[in-house]
């Protein structure tokens, strides 16, 4: 049995890249939506990117679900589309404020 270490290393690198992009984009969306809705409504300070990432990590401790049967690529696409839809809907609602 022979393993292709180059292919495995590429897979690990792409997984790591997607995880970093997931974290950064999720933090960005949280930061923007927080600034649009939570800050003005409750008169609290806005969040920075690192605070938003930390908030996402904290919330995911209680809400994360695992679907081992699903394709990893399709889960990533659904995650990004969900963030884009949330940001788009938030932007539309923000226009009416």
C-alpha atoms as a PDB file:
ATOM      1  CA  UNK A   1       0.000   0.000   0.000  1.00  0.00           C
ATOM      2  CA  UNK A   2       1.454   3.327  -1.040  1.00  0.00           C
ATOM      3  CA  UNK A   3       0.282   6.746   0.099  1.00  0.00           C
ATOM      4  CA  UNK A   4       0.698   9.929  -1.875  1.00  0.00           C
ATOM      5  CA  UNK A   5       2.034  12.342   0.733  1.00  0.00           C
ATOM      6  CA  UNK A   6       1.954  15.249  -1.698  1.00  0.00           C
ATOM      7  CA  UNK A   7      -1.786  14.821  -2.230  1.00  0.00           C
ATOM      8  CA  UNK A   8      -2.423  14.507   1.507  1.00  0.00           C
ATOM      9  CA  UNK A   9      -0.372  17.628   2.211  1.00  0.00           C
ATOM     10  CA  UNK A  10      -2.356  19.529  -0.419  1.00  0.00           C
ATOM     11  CA  UNK A  11      -5.612  18.370   1.122  1.00  0.00           C
ATOM     12  CA  UNK A  12      -4.499  19.459   4.589  1.00  0.00           C
ATOM     13  CA  UNK A  13      -3.323  22.834   3.252  1.00  0.00           C
ATOM     14  CA  UNK A  14      -6.620  23.445   1.453  1.00  0.00           C
ATOM     15  CA  UNK A  15      -8.587  22.432   4.552  1.00  0.00           C
ATOM     16  CA  UNK A  16      -6.537  24.840   6.639  1.00  0.00           C
ATOM     17  CA  UNK A  17      -7.050  27.618   4.102  1.00  0.00           C
ATOM     18  CA  UNK A  18     -10.815  27.077   4.098  1.00  0.00           C
ATOM     19  CA  UNK A  19     -10.950  27.066   7.906  1.00  0.00           C
ATOM     20  CA  UNK A  20      -9.067  30.377   8.050  1.00  0.00           C
ATOM     21  CA  UNK A  21     -11.355  31.903   5.409  1.00  0.00           C
ATOM     22  CA  UNK A  22     -14.421  30.567   7.269  1.00  0.00           C
ATOM     23  CA  UNK A  23     -13.271  32.154  10.505  1.00  0.00           C
ATOM     24  CA  UNK A  24     -12.373  35.507   8.966  1.00  0.00           C
ATOM     25  CA  UNK A  25     -15.489  35.831   6.804  1.00  0.00           C
ATOM     26  CA  UNK A  26     -17.774  34.727   9.638  1.00  0.00           C
ATOM     27  CA  UNK A  27     -16.148  37.282  11.932  1.00  0.00           C
ATOM     28  CA  UNK A  28     -16.532  40.000   9.279  1.00  0.00           C
ATOM     29  CA  UNK A  29     -20.239  39.273   8.806  1.00  0.00           C
ATOM     30  CA  UNK A  30     -20.800  39.264  12.571  1.00  0.00           C
ATOM     31  CA  UNK A  31     -18.908  42.551  12.933  1.00  0.00           C
ATOM     32  CA  UNK A  32     -20.959  44.256  10.224  1.00  0.00           C
ATOM     33  CA  UNK A  33     -24.328  42.960  11.408  1.00  0.00           C
ATOM     34  CA  UNK A  34     -23.481  43.853  15.002  1.00  0.00           C
ATOM     35  CA  UNK A  35     -22.626  47.378  13.928  1.00  0.00           C
ATOM     36  CA  UNK A  36     -25.839  47.730  11.931  1.00  0.00           C
ATOM     37  CA  UNK A  37     -28.313  46.324  14.438  1.00  0.00           C
ATOM     38  CA  UNK A  38     -27.026  45.576  17.938  1.00  0.00           C
ATOM     39  CA  UNK A  39     -24.951  48.721  18.527  1.00  0.00           C
ATOM     40  CA  UNK A  40     -27.662  51.279  17.664  1.00  0.00           C
ATOM     41  CA  UNK A  41     -30.498  49.291  19.227  1.00  0.00           C
ATOM     42  CA  UNK A  42     -28.893  48.663  22.604  1.00  0.00           C
ATOM     43  CA  UNK A  43     -26.478  51.631  22.608  1.00  0.00           C
ATOM     44  CA  UNK A  44     -23.372  49.447  22.928  1.00  0.00           C
ATOM     45  CA  UNK A  45     -19.972  49.716  21.303  1.00  0.00           C
ATOM     46  CA  UNK A  46     -19.235  48.093  17.972  1.00  0.00           C
ATOM     47  CA  UNK A  47     -17.142  44.969  17.687  1.00  0.00           C
ATOM     48  CA  UNK A  48     -13.759  44.660  16.068  1.00  0.00           C
ATOM     49  CA  UNK A  49     -12.869  41.734  13.850  1.00  0.00           C
ATOM     50  CA  UNK A  50     -11.060  39.829  16.607  1.00  0.00           C
ATOM     51  CA  UNK A  51     -13.950  40.359  19.021  1.00  0.00           C
ATOM     52  CA  UNK A  52     -16.392  39.128  16.386  1.00  0.00           C
ATOM     53  CA  UNK A  53     -14.304  36.029  15.757  1.00  0.00           C
ATOM     54  CA  UNK A  54     -14.189  35.354  19.488  1.00  0.00           C
ATOM     55  CA  UNK A  55     -17.956  35.808  19.745  1.00  0.00           C
ATOM     56  CA  UNK A  56     -18.470  33.351  16.867  1.00  0.00           C
ATOM     57  CA  UNK A  57     -16.228  30.801  18.538  1.00  0.00           C
ATOM     58  CA  UNK A  58     -18.062  31.217  21.847  1.00  0.00           C
ATOM     59  CA  UNK A  59     -21.490  30.836  20.245  1.00  0.00           C
ATOM     60  CA  UNK A  60     -20.365  27.817  18.206  1.00  0.00           C
ATOM     61  CA  UNK A  61     -19.557  26.000  21.452  1.00  0.00           C
ATOM     62  CA  UNK A  62     -23.294  25.807  22.113  1.00  0.00           C
ATOM     63  CA  UNK A  63     -24.734  25.649  18.601  1.00  0.00           C
ATOM     64  CA  UNK A  64     -22.276  23.597  16.520  1.00  0.00           C
ATOM     65  CA  UNK A  65     -23.649  20.467  14.904  1.00  0.00           C
ATOM     66  CA  UNK A  66     -21.785  17.724  13.142  1.00  0.00           C
ATOM     67  CA  UNK A  67     -23.032  16.060   9.967  1.00  0.00           C
ATOM     68  CA  UNK A  68     -20.431  13.398   9.200  1.00  0.00           C
ATOM     69  CA  UNK A  69     -22.416  11.990   6.279  1.00  0.00           C
ATOM     70  CA  UNK A  70     -22.410  15.215   4.267  1.00  0.00           C
ATOM     71  CA  UNK A  71     -19.764  16.126   1.743  1.00  0.00           C
ATOM     72  CA  UNK A  72     -17.245  18.538   3.258  1.00  0.00           C
ATOM     73  CA  UNK A  73     -17.180  20.761   0.168  1.00  0.00           C
ATOM     74  CA  UNK A  74     -20.970  21.104   0.091  1.00  0.00           C
ATOM     75  CA  UNK A  75     -21.000  22.045   3.784  1.00  0.00           C
ATOM     76  CA  UNK A  76     -18.466  24.800   3.095  1.00  0.00           C
ATOM     77  CA  UNK A  77     -20.462  26.124   0.167  1.00  0.00           C
ATOM     78  CA  UNK A  78     -23.654  26.136   2.238  1.00  0.00           C
ATOM     79  CA  UNK A  79     -21.820  27.941   5.064  1.00  0.00           C
ATOM     80  CA  UNK A  80     -20.558  30.687   2.728  1.00  0.00           C
ATOM     81  CA  UNK A  81     -23.934  31.046   1.041  1.00  0.00           C
ATOM     82  CA  UNK A  82     -25.630  31.318   4.423  1.00  0.00           C
ATOM     83  CA  UNK A  83     -23.244  34.102   5.429  1.00  0.00           C
ATOM     84  CA  UNK A  84     -23.758  35.916   2.121  1.00  0.00           C
ATOM     85  CA  UNK A  85     -27.545  35.683   2.417  1.00  0.00           C
ATOM     86  CA  UNK A  86     -27.425  36.925   6.023  1.00  0.00           C
ATOM     87  CA  UNK A  87     -25.215  39.840   5.033  1.00  0.00           C
ATOM     88  CA  UNK A  88     -27.413  40.679   2.027  1.00  0.00           C
ATOM     89  CA  UNK A  89     -30.657  40.543   4.001  1.00  0.00           C
ATOM     90  CA  UNK A  90     -29.059  42.564   6.792  1.00  0.00           C
ATOM     91  CA  UNK A  91     -27.968  45.186   4.266  1.00  0.00           C
ATOM     92  CA  UNK A  92     -31.516  45.437   2.865  1.00  0.00           C
ATOM     93  CA  UNK A  93     -33.012  45.813   6.339  1.00  0.00           C
ATOM     94  CA  UNK A  94     -30.310  48.323   7.254  1.00  0.00           C
ATOM     95  CA  UNK A  95     -31.340  50.492   4.287  1.00  0.00           C
ATOM     96  CA  UNK A  96     -34.773  50.969   5.868  1.00  0.00           C
ATOM     97  CA  UNK A  97     -33.424  52.095   9.252  1.00  0.00           C
END
